[in-house]
Amino acid sequence: MELLKTDVSKLAELARLKLTDAEVDRYQKNLGAILVHVDRLQIYMKGKDVVVDRRVVSDPAELRADEPKPADANRDEFLASARAVKDGRIEVPGVFKFKQTANGKQ
């Protein structure tokens, strides 16, 4: 499979990377070689009886149930170590910016 420079540039754009022309050339060569290798593996594996396991943890016994537990430290200690506290909760900078409209709604 041939990887074009435009493909590499598009991938870089999607990943928000700014690549020089030399980097685009290098990535075109390296990523193209990876794709050729993957194609060869797919051809080699065709017809083989292979079980694909996509789980991160292979043994379900390694997983534990999610159960709430009391914190090791006191709530007041947590709040005392925070940069900002509001209404008994740790206040963090907002992720989303909302614009206030004239009628006070967001």
Protein backbone atom coordinates (compact mmCIF):
# COMPACT_ATOMS: atom_id res chain seq x y z
CA MET A 1 0.00 0.00 0.00
CA GLU A 2 1.45 3.32 -1.03
CA LEU A 3 1.12 6.22 1.34
CA LEU A 4 1.01 9.60 -0.37
CA LYS A 5 2.45 12.85 0.99
CA THR A 6 -1.09 14.24 1.06
CA ASP A 7 -2.09 11.31 3.33
CA VAL A 8 0.73 12.10 5.75
CA SER A 9 -0.15 15.80 5.69
CA LYS A 10 -3.80 15.01 6.41
CA LEU A 11 -2.84 12.72 9.33
CA ALA A 12 -0.58 15.44 10.70
CA GLU A 13 -3.39 17.98 10.39
CA LEU A 14 -5.82 15.68 12.23
CA ALA A 15 -3.23 15.16 14.96
CA ARG A 16 -2.60 18.93 15.03
CA LEU A 17 1.06 18.47 14.16
CA LYS A 18 3.05 20.95 12.13
CA LEU A 19 5.49 18.96 10.00
CA THR A 20 8.27 20.26 7.80
CA ASP A 21 8.60 18.94 4.24
CA ALA A 22 11.52 16.78 5.40
CA GLU A 23 9.40 15.30 8.20
CA VAL A 24 6.54 14.59 5.78
CA ASP A 25 9.00 12.73 3.52
CA ARG A 26 10.41 10.75 6.45
CA TYR A 27 6.97 9.85 7.83
CA GLN A 28 5.74 8.91 4.36
CA LYS A 29 8.59 6.40 4.09
CA ASN A 30 8.30 5.05 7.67
CA LEU A 31 4.50 4.84 7.81
CA GLY A 32 4.43 3.33 4.32
CA ALA A 33 6.82 0.59 5.49
CA ILE A 34 4.58 -0.11 8.48
CA LEU A 35 1.51 -0.41 6.26
CA VAL A 36 3.35 -2.79 3.90
CA HIS A 37 4.32 -4.93 6.90
CA VAL A 38 0.71 -4.98 8.16
CA ASP A 39 -0.47 -6.03 4.68
CA ARG A 40 2.06 -8.88 4.69
CA LEU A 41 0.89 -9.98 8.13
CA GLN A 42 -2.73 -9.97 6.99
CA ILE A 43 -1.86 -12.08 3.95
CA TYR A 44 0.19 -14.46 6.10
CA MET A 45 -2.58 -14.81 8.70
CA LYS A 46 -5.33 -15.37 6.12
CA GLY A 47 -6.66 -18.89 6.53
CA LYS A 48 -4.89 -19.43 9.87
CA ASP A 49 -7.00 -20.32 12.89
CA VAL A 50 -6.07 -17.39 15.13
CA VAL A 51 -8.10 -16.14 18.08
CA VAL A 52 -8.00 -12.37 18.37
CA ASP A 53 -8.24 -11.15 21.95
CA ARG A 54 -8.77 -7.42 22.16
CA ARG A 55 -9.14 -7.23 25.93
CA VAL A 56 -6.49 -5.35 27.86
CA VAL A 57 -6.75 -7.74 30.79
CA SER A 58 -6.73 -11.33 29.62
CA ASP A 59 -7.92 -12.93 32.87
CA PRO A 60 -11.36 -11.72 34.04
CA ALA A 61 -10.39 -12.80 37.57
CA GLU A 62 -7.92 -9.90 37.59
CA LEU A 63 -10.80 -7.44 37.50
CA ARG A 64 -12.47 -6.26 40.68
CA ALA A 65 -15.91 -4.88 41.24
CA ASP A 66 -16.18 -1.12 41.55
CA GLU A 67 -17.26 -0.47 45.10
CA PRO A 68 -17.17 2.85 46.90
CA LYS A 69 -14.71 2.95 49.79
CA PRO A 70 -14.05 5.61 52.37
CA ALA A 71 -11.06 7.83 51.63
CA ASP A 72 -7.91 7.28 53.66
CA ALA A 73 -7.68 10.96 54.54
CA ASN A 74 -10.10 13.29 56.22
CA ARG A 75 -12.35 15.42 53.95
CA ASP A 76 -11.16 18.57 55.70
CA GLU A 77 -7.55 17.64 54.92
CA PHE A 78 -8.42 17.28 51.22
CA LEU A 79 -10.17 20.62 51.14
CA ALA A 80 -7.32 22.30 53.04
CA SER A 81 -4.84 21.14 50.38
CA ALA A 82 -6.91 22.45 47.46
CA ARG A 83 -6.08 25.73 45.71
CA ALA A 84 -9.71 26.85 45.71
CA VAL A 85 -12.78 25.62 47.58
CA LYS A 86 -16.37 26.67 46.93
CA ASP A 87 -19.45 25.36 48.75
CA GLY A 88 -17.45 22.56 50.37
CA ARG A 89 -16.06 21.31 47.06
CA ILE A 90 -12.74 21.66 45.29
CA GLU A 91 -13.04 24.29 42.58
CA VAL A 92 -11.12 23.74 39.35
CA PRO A 93 -10.78 25.88 36.21
CA GLY A 94 -13.62 25.40 33.74
CA VAL A 95 -13.10 23.29 30.65
CA PHE A 96 -15.89 24.80 28.58
CA LYS A 97 -16.43 28.49 28.06
CA PHE A 98 -20.04 29.65 27.96
CA LYS A 99 -21.12 33.06 26.75
CA GLN A 100 -23.68 34.84 28.82
CA THR A 101 -26.57 36.15 26.73
CA ALA A 102 -28.44 39.42 27.32
CA ASN A 103 -31.27 37.61 29.11
CA GLY A 104 -28.83 35.87 31.48
CA LYS A 105 -29.07 32.42 29.88
CA GLN A 106 -26.16 30.41 28.61
